N, C-alpha and C. Protein backbone atom coordinates (compact mmCIF):
# COMPACT_ATOMS: atom_id res chain seq x y z
N MET A 1 61.12 59.95 -87.68
CA MET A 1 62.42 59.84 -88.41
C MET A 1 63.54 59.71 -87.40
N VAL A 2 63.53 60.47 -86.39
CA VAL A 2 64.53 60.47 -85.35
C VAL A 2 64.50 59.15 -84.59
N GLN A 3 63.24 58.69 -84.32
CA GLN A 3 63.09 57.30 -83.61
C GLN A 3 63.69 56.24 -84.41
N LYS A 4 63.40 56.22 -85.75
CA LYS A 4 63.92 55.22 -86.64
C LYS A 4 65.46 55.20 -86.65
N LEU A 5 66.01 56.40 -86.70
CA LEU A 5 67.47 56.52 -86.72
C LEU A 5 68.08 55.99 -85.43
N LEU A 6 67.48 56.31 -84.28
CA LEU A 6 67.94 55.83 -83.01
C LEU A 6 67.87 54.29 -82.88
N THR A 7 66.83 53.75 -83.44
CA THR A 7 66.63 52.28 -83.45
C THR A 7 67.73 51.62 -84.24
N GLN A 8 68.03 52.16 -85.41
CA GLN A 8 69.10 51.62 -86.28
C GLN A 8 70.46 51.72 -85.58
N LEU A 9 70.74 52.88 -84.96
CA LEU A 9 71.98 53.08 -84.26
C LEU A 9 72.09 52.04 -83.07
N ASP A 10 71.00 51.80 -82.39
CA ASP A 10 70.99 50.85 -81.27
C ASP A 10 71.27 49.44 -81.78
N HIS A 11 70.66 49.06 -82.95
CA HIS A 11 70.85 47.77 -83.52
C HIS A 11 72.31 47.63 -83.96
N LEU A 12 72.89 48.68 -84.53
CA LEU A 12 74.24 48.65 -84.99
C LEU A 12 75.24 48.51 -83.77
N ALA A 13 74.93 49.27 -82.74
CA ALA A 13 75.77 49.15 -81.51
C ALA A 13 75.71 47.77 -80.96
N TYR A 14 74.56 47.14 -80.96
CA TYR A 14 74.37 45.76 -80.45
C TYR A 14 75.23 44.77 -81.23
N ARG A 15 75.20 44.89 -82.61
CA ARG A 15 75.91 43.99 -83.48
C ARG A 15 77.43 44.17 -83.32
N LEU A 16 77.86 45.44 -83.21
CA LEU A 16 79.29 45.68 -82.99
C LEU A 16 79.82 45.11 -81.64
N GLN A 17 78.94 45.30 -80.58
CA GLN A 17 79.33 44.82 -79.27
C GLN A 17 79.35 43.25 -79.27
N ARG A 18 78.39 42.66 -79.92
CA ARG A 18 78.33 41.20 -79.96
C ARG A 18 79.56 40.68 -80.75
N TRP A 19 79.88 41.36 -81.86
CA TRP A 19 81.06 40.96 -82.73
C TRP A 19 82.31 41.04 -81.87
N TYR A 20 82.41 42.12 -81.04
CA TYR A 20 83.61 42.32 -80.17
C TYR A 20 83.69 41.24 -79.09
N MET A 21 82.54 40.82 -78.54
CA MET A 21 82.50 39.91 -77.41
C MET A 21 82.64 38.45 -77.82
N LYS A 22 82.19 38.16 -79.03
CA LYS A 22 82.06 36.75 -79.49
C LYS A 22 83.30 35.87 -79.24
N PRO A 23 84.50 36.33 -79.60
CA PRO A 23 85.69 35.47 -79.37
C PRO A 23 85.96 35.21 -77.88
N LYS A 24 85.44 36.02 -77.01
CA LYS A 24 85.74 35.91 -75.54
C LYS A 24 84.57 35.22 -74.80
N MET A 25 83.49 35.01 -75.44
CA MET A 25 82.27 34.50 -74.72
C MET A 25 82.46 33.06 -74.34
N THR A 26 81.93 32.71 -73.18
CA THR A 26 81.92 31.29 -72.69
C THR A 26 80.44 30.86 -72.51
N ARG A 27 79.90 31.16 -71.33
CA ARG A 27 78.54 30.77 -71.03
C ARG A 27 77.56 31.94 -70.99
N GLU A 28 78.04 33.11 -71.36
CA GLU A 28 77.16 34.30 -71.34
C GLU A 28 76.09 34.15 -72.40
N ARG A 29 74.91 34.73 -72.05
CA ARG A 29 73.79 34.73 -72.99
C ARG A 29 73.43 36.21 -73.31
N ILE A 30 73.53 36.59 -74.59
CA ILE A 30 73.33 37.98 -74.96
C ILE A 30 72.15 38.05 -75.93
N GLY A 31 71.24 38.99 -75.70
CA GLY A 31 70.12 39.22 -76.58
C GLY A 31 69.97 40.69 -76.80
N ARG A 32 69.08 41.09 -77.68
CA ARG A 32 68.86 42.51 -78.00
C ARG A 32 68.52 43.33 -76.77
N HIS A 33 67.70 42.73 -75.87
CA HIS A 33 67.23 43.49 -74.73
C HIS A 33 67.68 42.97 -73.35
N SER A 34 68.62 42.00 -73.41
CA SER A 34 69.02 41.46 -72.12
C SER A 34 70.42 40.81 -72.30
N ALA A 35 71.13 40.77 -71.13
CA ALA A 35 72.41 40.10 -71.12
C ALA A 35 72.59 39.41 -69.83
N PHE A 36 72.93 38.09 -69.87
CA PHE A 36 73.15 37.31 -68.70
C PHE A 36 74.60 36.90 -68.65
N PHE A 37 75.38 37.64 -67.86
CA PHE A 37 76.81 37.33 -67.77
C PHE A 37 77.09 36.27 -66.69
N HIS A 38 76.15 36.04 -65.84
CA HIS A 38 76.27 35.01 -64.83
C HIS A 38 75.07 34.03 -64.88
N PRO A 39 75.17 33.03 -65.75
CA PRO A 39 74.01 32.16 -65.97
C PRO A 39 73.63 31.29 -64.80
N ARG A 40 74.44 31.29 -63.72
CA ARG A 40 74.14 30.53 -62.51
C ARG A 40 72.82 31.14 -61.90
N PRO A 41 72.04 30.32 -61.16
CA PRO A 41 70.83 30.84 -60.50
C PRO A 41 71.18 31.67 -59.28
N THR A 42 71.71 32.86 -59.54
CA THR A 42 72.26 33.71 -58.45
C THR A 42 71.17 34.09 -57.43
N GLY A 43 69.95 34.28 -57.90
CA GLY A 43 68.84 34.63 -57.00
C GLY A 43 68.65 33.55 -55.95
N LYS A 44 68.66 32.35 -56.39
CA LYS A 44 68.47 31.20 -55.52
C LYS A 44 69.60 31.04 -54.51
N ILE A 45 70.82 31.25 -55.08
CA ILE A 45 72.02 31.12 -54.22
C ILE A 45 71.98 32.22 -53.11
N VAL A 46 71.65 33.45 -53.44
CA VAL A 46 71.60 34.58 -52.50
C VAL A 46 70.53 34.23 -51.44
N LEU A 47 69.37 33.72 -51.87
CA LEU A 47 68.31 33.42 -50.96
C LEU A 47 68.67 32.37 -49.94
N GLU A 48 69.38 31.31 -50.42
CA GLU A 48 69.82 30.21 -49.60
C GLU A 48 70.83 30.71 -48.57
N GLU A 49 71.74 31.59 -48.98
CA GLU A 49 72.76 32.13 -48.10
C GLU A 49 72.10 33.01 -47.03
N TYR A 50 71.09 33.74 -47.44
CA TYR A 50 70.33 34.57 -46.49
C TYR A 50 69.68 33.72 -45.39
N LYS A 51 69.09 32.59 -45.83
CA LYS A 51 68.43 31.70 -44.89
C LYS A 51 69.42 31.08 -43.96
N LYS A 52 70.60 30.72 -44.44
CA LYS A 52 71.67 30.16 -43.58
C LYS A 52 72.06 31.17 -42.51
N ARG A 53 72.25 32.42 -42.92
CA ARG A 53 72.71 33.45 -41.99
C ARG A 53 71.61 33.71 -40.96
N LEU A 54 70.34 33.67 -41.41
CA LEU A 54 69.21 33.93 -40.53
C LEU A 54 69.12 32.82 -39.50
N GLN A 55 69.34 31.60 -39.92
CA GLN A 55 69.33 30.47 -38.97
C GLN A 55 70.52 30.54 -37.98
N GLY A 56 71.61 31.09 -38.46
CA GLY A 56 72.80 31.23 -37.61
C GLY A 56 72.58 32.24 -36.49
N SER A 57 71.67 33.19 -36.69
CA SER A 57 71.38 34.20 -35.68
C SER A 57 69.96 34.06 -35.17
N THR A 58 69.55 32.84 -34.92
CA THR A 58 68.17 32.57 -34.51
C THR A 58 67.88 33.16 -33.15
N LEU A 59 66.75 33.78 -33.06
CA LEU A 59 66.21 34.31 -31.76
C LEU A 59 66.05 33.19 -30.82
N LYS A 60 66.48 33.42 -29.56
CA LYS A 60 66.35 32.38 -28.49
C LYS A 60 65.29 32.91 -27.48
N VAL A 61 64.26 32.05 -27.31
CA VAL A 61 63.21 32.35 -26.36
C VAL A 61 63.24 31.35 -25.21
N LEU A 62 63.28 31.83 -23.99
CA LEU A 62 63.36 30.96 -22.82
C LEU A 62 62.12 31.06 -21.97
N ILE A 63 61.60 29.88 -21.54
CA ILE A 63 60.58 29.88 -20.50
C ILE A 63 60.99 28.82 -19.46
N THR A 64 60.57 29.05 -18.25
CA THR A 64 60.84 28.08 -17.19
C THR A 64 59.58 27.77 -16.39
N GLY A 65 59.53 26.62 -15.76
CA GLY A 65 58.35 26.27 -14.97
C GLY A 65 58.42 24.86 -14.44
N CYS A 66 57.37 24.53 -13.73
CA CYS A 66 57.28 23.15 -13.09
C CYS A 66 56.67 22.18 -14.09
N PHE A 67 55.65 22.61 -14.78
CA PHE A 67 54.93 21.78 -15.80
C PHE A 67 54.54 20.41 -15.22
N ASP A 68 54.00 20.44 -14.07
CA ASP A 68 53.56 19.23 -13.38
C ASP A 68 52.10 19.00 -13.71
N GLY A 69 51.82 17.99 -14.56
CA GLY A 69 50.46 17.80 -15.04
C GLY A 69 50.21 18.81 -16.14
N LEU A 70 50.55 18.45 -17.36
CA LEU A 70 50.58 19.39 -18.51
C LEU A 70 49.17 19.74 -18.96
N HIS A 71 48.65 20.83 -18.37
CA HIS A 71 47.24 21.20 -18.68
C HIS A 71 47.18 22.25 -19.78
N SER A 72 45.96 22.69 -20.07
CA SER A 72 45.72 23.57 -21.22
C SER A 72 46.41 24.91 -21.11
N GLU A 73 46.53 25.46 -19.87
CA GLU A 73 47.25 26.71 -19.77
C GLU A 73 48.74 26.60 -20.00
N HIS A 74 49.28 25.45 -19.62
CA HIS A 74 50.70 25.18 -19.93
C HIS A 74 50.88 25.22 -21.44
N GLN A 75 50.01 24.46 -22.16
CA GLN A 75 50.15 24.40 -23.61
C GLN A 75 49.93 25.77 -24.26
N LYS A 76 48.97 26.56 -23.74
CA LYS A 76 48.74 27.91 -24.25
C LYS A 76 49.99 28.74 -24.09
N PHE A 77 50.61 28.61 -22.90
CA PHE A 77 51.85 29.36 -22.59
C PHE A 77 52.96 28.96 -23.54
N LEU A 78 53.15 27.70 -23.79
CA LEU A 78 54.22 27.24 -24.72
C LEU A 78 53.96 27.72 -26.11
N ARG A 79 52.72 27.66 -26.61
CA ARG A 79 52.47 28.06 -27.96
C ARG A 79 52.65 29.60 -28.13
N ALA A 80 52.22 30.30 -27.08
CA ALA A 80 52.37 31.81 -27.14
C ALA A 80 53.85 32.20 -27.18
N ALA A 81 54.69 31.48 -26.43
CA ALA A 81 56.10 31.76 -26.45
C ALA A 81 56.77 31.38 -27.77
N LYS A 82 56.31 30.28 -28.36
CA LYS A 82 56.83 29.85 -29.64
C LYS A 82 56.45 30.80 -30.78
N LYS A 83 55.32 31.45 -30.64
CA LYS A 83 54.91 32.44 -31.66
C LYS A 83 55.81 33.67 -31.73
N LEU A 84 56.63 33.85 -30.75
CA LEU A 84 57.58 34.98 -30.77
C LEU A 84 58.64 34.80 -31.82
N GLY A 85 58.78 33.51 -32.27
CA GLY A 85 59.73 33.17 -33.31
C GLY A 85 61.01 32.62 -32.75
N GLY A 86 61.81 32.02 -33.61
CA GLY A 86 63.10 31.53 -33.22
C GLY A 86 63.06 30.20 -32.50
N LYS A 87 63.99 29.93 -31.62
CA LYS A 87 64.18 28.72 -30.93
C LYS A 87 63.60 28.81 -29.51
N LEU A 88 62.71 27.89 -29.18
CA LEU A 88 62.10 27.92 -27.86
C LEU A 88 62.82 26.92 -26.94
N LEU A 89 63.35 27.46 -25.82
CA LEU A 89 64.01 26.68 -24.83
C LEU A 89 63.15 26.62 -23.59
N VAL A 90 62.93 25.42 -23.06
CA VAL A 90 62.12 25.27 -21.89
C VAL A 90 62.89 24.61 -20.77
N GLY A 91 63.05 25.36 -19.69
CA GLY A 91 63.74 24.85 -18.49
C GLY A 91 62.72 24.39 -17.51
N VAL A 92 62.93 23.13 -16.95
CA VAL A 92 61.93 22.52 -16.08
C VAL A 92 62.53 22.36 -14.65
N GLU A 93 61.76 22.74 -13.68
CA GLU A 93 62.20 22.65 -12.29
C GLU A 93 62.36 21.21 -11.86
N THR A 94 63.40 20.99 -10.99
CA THR A 94 63.69 19.63 -10.51
C THR A 94 62.56 19.21 -9.54
N ASP A 95 62.54 17.95 -9.20
CA ASP A 95 61.54 17.46 -8.22
C ASP A 95 61.67 18.14 -6.87
N ALA A 96 62.90 18.35 -6.41
CA ALA A 96 63.14 19.01 -5.15
C ALA A 96 62.59 20.43 -5.15
N ARG A 97 62.79 21.13 -6.23
CA ARG A 97 62.31 22.50 -6.37
C ARG A 97 60.77 22.55 -6.45
N VAL A 98 60.18 21.63 -7.10
CA VAL A 98 58.70 21.57 -7.18
C VAL A 98 58.14 21.33 -5.81
N LYS A 99 58.74 20.48 -5.04
CA LYS A 99 58.32 20.21 -3.71
C LYS A 99 58.45 21.46 -2.84
N GLN A 100 59.50 22.21 -3.01
CA GLN A 100 59.74 23.42 -2.27
C GLN A 100 58.70 24.49 -2.68
N LEU A 101 58.37 24.56 -3.93
CA LEU A 101 57.42 25.56 -4.41
C LEU A 101 55.98 25.22 -4.20
N LYS A 102 55.63 23.97 -4.40
CA LYS A 102 54.19 23.54 -4.39
C LYS A 102 53.76 22.76 -3.16
N GLY A 103 54.71 22.26 -2.33
CA GLY A 103 54.30 21.51 -1.17
C GLY A 103 54.80 20.10 -1.19
N PRO A 104 54.73 19.40 -0.02
CA PRO A 104 55.31 18.07 0.10
C PRO A 104 54.66 16.99 -0.76
N SER A 105 53.44 17.20 -1.21
CA SER A 105 52.75 16.18 -2.01
C SER A 105 53.12 16.27 -3.49
N ARG A 106 53.91 17.22 -3.85
CA ARG A 106 54.28 17.46 -5.23
C ARG A 106 55.74 17.18 -5.43
N PRO A 107 56.19 16.88 -6.67
CA PRO A 107 55.36 16.86 -7.91
C PRO A 107 54.56 15.57 -8.04
N VAL A 108 53.51 15.64 -8.81
CA VAL A 108 52.72 14.49 -9.18
C VAL A 108 53.50 13.60 -10.11
N ASN A 109 54.18 14.22 -11.00
CA ASN A 109 55.00 13.54 -12.06
C ASN A 109 56.47 13.85 -11.79
N GLN A 110 57.30 12.83 -11.82
CA GLN A 110 58.71 13.03 -11.62
C GLN A 110 59.30 13.80 -12.80
N LEU A 111 60.48 14.34 -12.58
CA LEU A 111 61.14 15.16 -13.61
C LEU A 111 61.23 14.49 -14.96
N THR A 112 61.65 13.21 -14.98
CA THR A 112 61.79 12.51 -16.27
C THR A 112 60.48 12.42 -17.06
N VAL A 113 59.40 12.24 -16.28
CA VAL A 113 58.03 12.17 -16.92
C VAL A 113 57.70 13.55 -17.49
N ARG A 114 57.93 14.61 -16.71
CA ARG A 114 57.61 15.96 -17.18
C ARG A 114 58.45 16.37 -18.40
N LEU A 115 59.68 16.00 -18.38
CA LEU A 115 60.54 16.34 -19.55
C LEU A 115 60.04 15.64 -20.80
N ARG A 116 59.66 14.31 -20.61
CA ARG A 116 59.19 13.52 -21.71
C ARG A 116 57.92 14.04 -22.29
N ALA A 117 56.99 14.44 -21.42
CA ALA A 117 55.70 14.99 -21.83
C ALA A 117 55.88 16.26 -22.67
N LEU A 118 56.77 17.13 -22.21
CA LEU A 118 57.02 18.40 -22.94
C LEU A 118 57.62 18.11 -24.34
N ARG A 119 58.56 17.18 -24.36
CA ARG A 119 59.21 16.81 -25.71
C ARG A 119 58.21 16.20 -26.60
N ARG A 120 57.31 15.36 -26.10
CA ARG A 120 56.35 14.74 -26.96
C ARG A 120 55.34 15.74 -27.53
N LEU A 121 55.07 16.79 -26.77
CA LEU A 121 54.18 17.82 -27.23
C LEU A 121 54.66 18.48 -28.54
N GLY A 122 55.98 18.56 -28.63
CA GLY A 122 56.53 18.98 -29.93
C GLY A 122 56.53 20.53 -30.23
N ILE A 123 56.29 21.32 -29.17
CA ILE A 123 56.26 22.76 -29.34
C ILE A 123 57.68 23.33 -29.14
N ALA A 124 58.35 22.85 -28.08
CA ALA A 124 59.68 23.44 -27.74
C ALA A 124 60.79 22.78 -28.64
N ASP A 125 61.79 23.58 -28.89
CA ASP A 125 62.94 23.07 -29.64
C ASP A 125 63.96 22.36 -28.73
N GLN A 126 63.98 22.79 -27.47
CA GLN A 126 64.89 22.15 -26.53
C GLN A 126 64.22 22.17 -25.13
N VAL A 127 64.18 20.98 -24.49
CA VAL A 127 63.65 20.87 -23.14
C VAL A 127 64.74 20.34 -22.26
N PHE A 128 64.99 20.99 -21.08
CA PHE A 128 66.07 20.61 -20.26
C PHE A 128 65.70 20.83 -18.77
N ALA A 129 66.39 20.10 -17.88
CA ALA A 129 66.14 20.28 -16.43
C ALA A 129 66.94 21.51 -15.96
N LEU A 130 66.34 22.30 -15.14
CA LEU A 130 66.99 23.43 -14.53
C LEU A 130 68.03 22.89 -13.46
N PRO A 131 68.97 23.76 -13.09
CA PRO A 131 69.91 23.33 -12.09
C PRO A 131 69.27 22.92 -10.78
N ASN A 132 69.88 22.03 -10.02
CA ASN A 132 69.39 21.66 -8.69
C ASN A 132 69.30 22.84 -7.75
N GLN A 133 70.26 23.73 -7.87
CA GLN A 133 70.28 24.98 -7.05
C GLN A 133 69.66 26.05 -7.95
N PHE A 134 68.39 26.33 -7.77
CA PHE A 134 67.73 27.35 -8.59
C PHE A 134 66.68 28.06 -7.75
N ASN A 135 67.04 28.47 -6.53
CA ASN A 135 66.09 29.04 -5.62
C ASN A 135 66.29 30.48 -5.28
N ASN A 136 67.13 31.17 -6.05
CA ASN A 136 67.27 32.63 -5.82
C ASN A 136 67.64 33.33 -7.11
N LEU A 137 67.65 34.62 -7.10
CA LEU A 137 67.87 35.40 -8.32
C LEU A 137 69.30 35.31 -8.84
N ASN A 138 70.26 34.96 -7.95
CA ASN A 138 71.63 34.75 -8.38
C ASN A 138 71.72 33.54 -9.28
N HIS A 139 70.95 32.48 -8.93
CA HIS A 139 70.90 31.28 -9.73
C HIS A 139 70.29 31.55 -11.10
N PHE A 140 69.19 32.39 -11.01
CA PHE A 140 68.54 32.81 -12.27
C PHE A 140 69.47 33.59 -13.15
N THR A 141 70.24 34.51 -12.57
CA THR A 141 71.20 35.30 -13.34
C THR A 141 72.30 34.43 -13.98
N ASP A 142 72.74 33.42 -13.26
CA ASP A 142 73.74 32.46 -13.81
C ASP A 142 73.19 31.78 -15.03
N LEU A 143 71.87 31.36 -14.98
CA LEU A 143 71.26 30.69 -16.13
C LEU A 143 71.18 31.67 -17.33
N ILE A 144 70.75 32.88 -17.12
CA ILE A 144 70.62 33.82 -18.20
C ILE A 144 72.01 34.12 -18.81
N LYS A 145 73.01 34.24 -17.95
CA LYS A 145 74.37 34.48 -18.44
C LYS A 145 74.87 33.33 -19.28
N LYS A 146 74.50 32.13 -18.91
CA LYS A 146 74.95 30.89 -19.64
C LYS A 146 74.23 30.75 -20.96
N LEU A 147 72.87 30.90 -20.96
CA LEU A 147 72.09 30.67 -22.18
C LEU A 147 72.00 31.86 -23.07
N ARG A 148 72.07 33.07 -22.51
CA ARG A 148 71.95 34.32 -23.29
C ARG A 148 70.70 34.34 -24.18
N PRO A 149 69.48 34.13 -23.58
CA PRO A 149 68.27 34.17 -24.43
C PRO A 149 68.02 35.62 -24.80
N ASP A 150 67.37 35.81 -26.01
CA ASP A 150 66.95 37.14 -26.41
C ASP A 150 65.71 37.59 -25.68
N ILE A 151 64.85 36.59 -25.40
CA ILE A 151 63.54 36.85 -24.74
C ILE A 151 63.33 35.87 -23.64
N LEU A 152 62.86 36.36 -22.47
CA LEU A 152 62.32 35.52 -21.39
C LEU A 152 60.78 35.69 -21.49
N ALA A 153 60.13 34.64 -21.88
CA ALA A 153 58.67 34.65 -22.00
C ALA A 153 58.06 34.19 -20.65
N VAL A 154 57.10 35.02 -20.15
CA VAL A 154 56.58 34.71 -18.82
C VAL A 154 55.03 34.90 -18.84
N SER A 155 54.42 34.42 -17.79
CA SER A 155 52.98 34.77 -17.57
C SER A 155 52.87 35.94 -16.66
N SER A 156 51.74 36.49 -16.54
CA SER A 156 51.54 37.78 -15.79
C SER A 156 51.75 37.62 -14.30
N ASN A 157 51.69 36.40 -13.76
CA ASN A 157 51.87 36.22 -12.31
C ASN A 157 53.29 35.76 -11.93
N THR A 158 54.21 35.85 -12.89
CA THR A 158 55.58 35.45 -12.64
C THR A 158 56.17 36.24 -11.48
N PRO A 159 56.77 35.64 -10.45
CA PRO A 159 57.32 36.39 -9.34
C PRO A 159 58.62 37.12 -9.74
N ASN A 160 58.97 38.19 -9.00
CA ASN A 160 60.15 38.96 -9.21
C ASN A 160 60.28 39.54 -10.65
N LEU A 161 59.16 39.91 -11.22
CA LEU A 161 59.21 40.31 -12.61
C LEU A 161 60.08 41.58 -12.88
N PRO A 162 60.01 42.60 -12.05
CA PRO A 162 60.82 43.77 -12.26
C PRO A 162 62.27 43.47 -12.26
N VAL A 163 62.73 42.61 -11.30
CA VAL A 163 64.13 42.25 -11.20
C VAL A 163 64.57 41.41 -12.38
N LYS A 164 63.66 40.52 -12.82
CA LYS A 164 64.01 39.65 -13.97
C LYS A 164 64.13 40.50 -15.26
N ARG A 165 63.31 41.48 -15.36
CA ARG A 165 63.51 42.47 -16.48
C ARG A 165 64.84 43.12 -16.51
N GLN A 166 65.30 43.52 -15.34
CA GLN A 166 66.59 44.18 -15.19
C GLN A 166 67.74 43.23 -15.53
N ILE A 167 67.62 41.97 -15.07
CA ILE A 167 68.69 40.97 -15.36
C ILE A 167 68.73 40.70 -16.84
N MET A 168 67.58 40.51 -17.49
CA MET A 168 67.54 40.28 -18.93
C MET A 168 68.12 41.49 -19.68
N LYS A 169 67.82 42.66 -19.23
CA LYS A 169 68.41 43.86 -19.83
C LYS A 169 69.91 43.90 -19.77
N THR A 170 70.41 43.49 -18.63
CA THR A 170 71.86 43.43 -18.39
C THR A 170 72.57 42.59 -19.43
N PHE A 171 71.93 41.52 -19.83
CA PHE A 171 72.55 40.60 -20.81
C PHE A 171 71.97 40.79 -22.24
N GLY A 172 71.39 41.92 -22.49
CA GLY A 172 70.93 42.29 -23.83
C GLY A 172 69.63 41.67 -24.25
N GLY A 173 68.83 41.17 -23.31
CA GLY A 173 67.54 40.56 -23.62
C GLY A 173 66.37 41.35 -23.05
N ARG A 174 65.24 40.75 -23.14
CA ARG A 174 64.04 41.46 -22.59
C ARG A 174 63.03 40.45 -22.14
N VAL A 175 62.12 40.86 -21.31
CA VAL A 175 61.01 40.03 -20.79
C VAL A 175 59.75 40.39 -21.53
N ILE A 176 59.00 39.33 -21.98
CA ILE A 176 57.70 39.59 -22.63
C ILE A 176 56.62 38.69 -21.92
N VAL A 177 55.62 39.38 -21.49
CA VAL A 177 54.46 38.62 -20.88
C VAL A 177 53.62 38.06 -22.07
N VAL A 178 53.57 36.78 -22.14
CA VAL A 178 52.86 36.13 -23.30
C VAL A 178 51.52 35.53 -22.88
N LEU A 179 51.26 35.46 -21.58
CA LEU A 179 50.03 34.83 -21.11
C LEU A 179 49.52 35.47 -19.85
N LEU A 180 48.26 35.88 -19.85
CA LEU A 180 47.64 36.39 -18.63
C LEU A 180 47.29 35.23 -17.73
N HIS A 181 47.52 35.39 -16.45
CA HIS A 181 47.28 34.35 -15.46
C HIS A 181 45.77 33.99 -15.43
N ASN A 182 45.48 32.74 -15.51
CA ASN A 182 44.10 32.28 -15.39
C ASN A 182 43.97 31.52 -14.04
N PRO A 183 43.42 32.16 -13.03
CA PRO A 183 43.37 31.53 -11.71
C PRO A 183 42.40 30.31 -11.67
N LYS A 184 41.58 30.13 -12.69
CA LYS A 184 40.69 28.97 -12.69
C LYS A 184 41.38 27.66 -13.03
N ILE A 185 42.51 27.76 -13.70
CA ILE A 185 43.20 26.56 -14.17
C ILE A 185 44.59 26.48 -13.63
N SER A 186 44.84 25.40 -12.87
CA SER A 186 46.22 25.13 -12.34
C SER A 186 46.27 23.66 -11.95
N THR A 187 47.41 23.11 -11.90
CA THR A 187 47.56 21.73 -11.47
C THR A 187 47.11 21.57 -10.01
N THR A 188 47.41 22.54 -9.17
CA THR A 188 46.96 22.50 -7.76
C THR A 188 45.47 22.42 -7.66
N LYS A 189 44.74 23.24 -8.42
CA LYS A 189 43.26 23.22 -8.39
C LYS A 189 42.69 21.92 -8.97
N MET A 190 43.34 21.44 -10.01
CA MET A 190 42.89 20.16 -10.64
C MET A 190 43.06 19.01 -9.63
N LEU A 191 44.17 18.98 -8.94
CA LEU A 191 44.40 17.96 -7.92
C LEU A 191 43.40 18.06 -6.73
N LYS A 192 43.17 19.28 -6.30
CA LYS A 192 42.22 19.52 -5.22
C LYS A 192 40.82 19.02 -5.65
N SER A 193 40.40 19.34 -6.87
CA SER A 193 39.08 18.98 -7.40
C SER A 193 38.97 17.45 -7.42
N THR A 194 40.05 16.77 -7.92
CA THR A 194 40.04 15.35 -7.99
C THR A 194 39.98 14.71 -6.60
N HIS A 195 40.69 15.26 -5.65
CA HIS A 195 40.70 14.75 -4.24
C HIS A 195 39.29 14.88 -3.64
N GLU A 196 38.61 16.05 -3.89
CA GLU A 196 37.26 16.29 -3.37
C GLU A 196 36.30 15.27 -3.97
N GLN A 197 36.42 15.03 -5.23
CA GLN A 197 35.52 14.10 -5.87
C GLN A 197 35.70 12.66 -5.29
N PHE A 198 36.92 12.26 -5.03
CA PHE A 198 37.12 11.01 -4.43
C PHE A 198 36.59 10.90 -2.99
N SER A 199 36.76 12.05 -2.29
CA SER A 199 36.26 12.15 -0.89
C SER A 199 34.78 12.00 -0.82
N ILE A 200 34.09 12.66 -1.75
CA ILE A 200 32.61 12.64 -1.81
C ILE A 200 32.14 11.23 -2.11
N SER A 201 32.81 10.63 -3.06
CA SER A 201 32.30 9.26 -3.53
C SER A 201 32.73 8.20 -2.48
């Protein structure tokens, strides 16, 4: 009996409210159990705005290297860094720097070739040449200050790792080791193997 009375009162209240609202209604949709005062697809609008804001604050991941002869470990390194999310920035050492790091017979591929190969791979969002002067930690600090990456992705054999961690921390970022060094695979070893094969034949 009480339930029936409450149902009738609810129905009466609905009819009175609808009668009161009717002269003022435009695009609103009113029913017994629901009311849509904003018929626009607000859920979709909110989601799109969220995506825009998320893109505006995209995580920046930086890796640097020579990438002379783009072998499987290079590609594994790039993919591991990309999995961290956000925008992957790849800084490539100049020809002069590769010669300084790897010896007078290097690089095998000039800077333009190495940049093109990385871009064609399609993993990185941005590939760029590192500064000509990039041979000490002050130069590294200047790069971090300019780019402000959230993450510096490195391999386990990256030199000066403790100092690089501190530099990244200073600018609000961090270092993440994304690849364990594989001593069996490197451009130097591949070149040496090729040279030995030619010498034998």
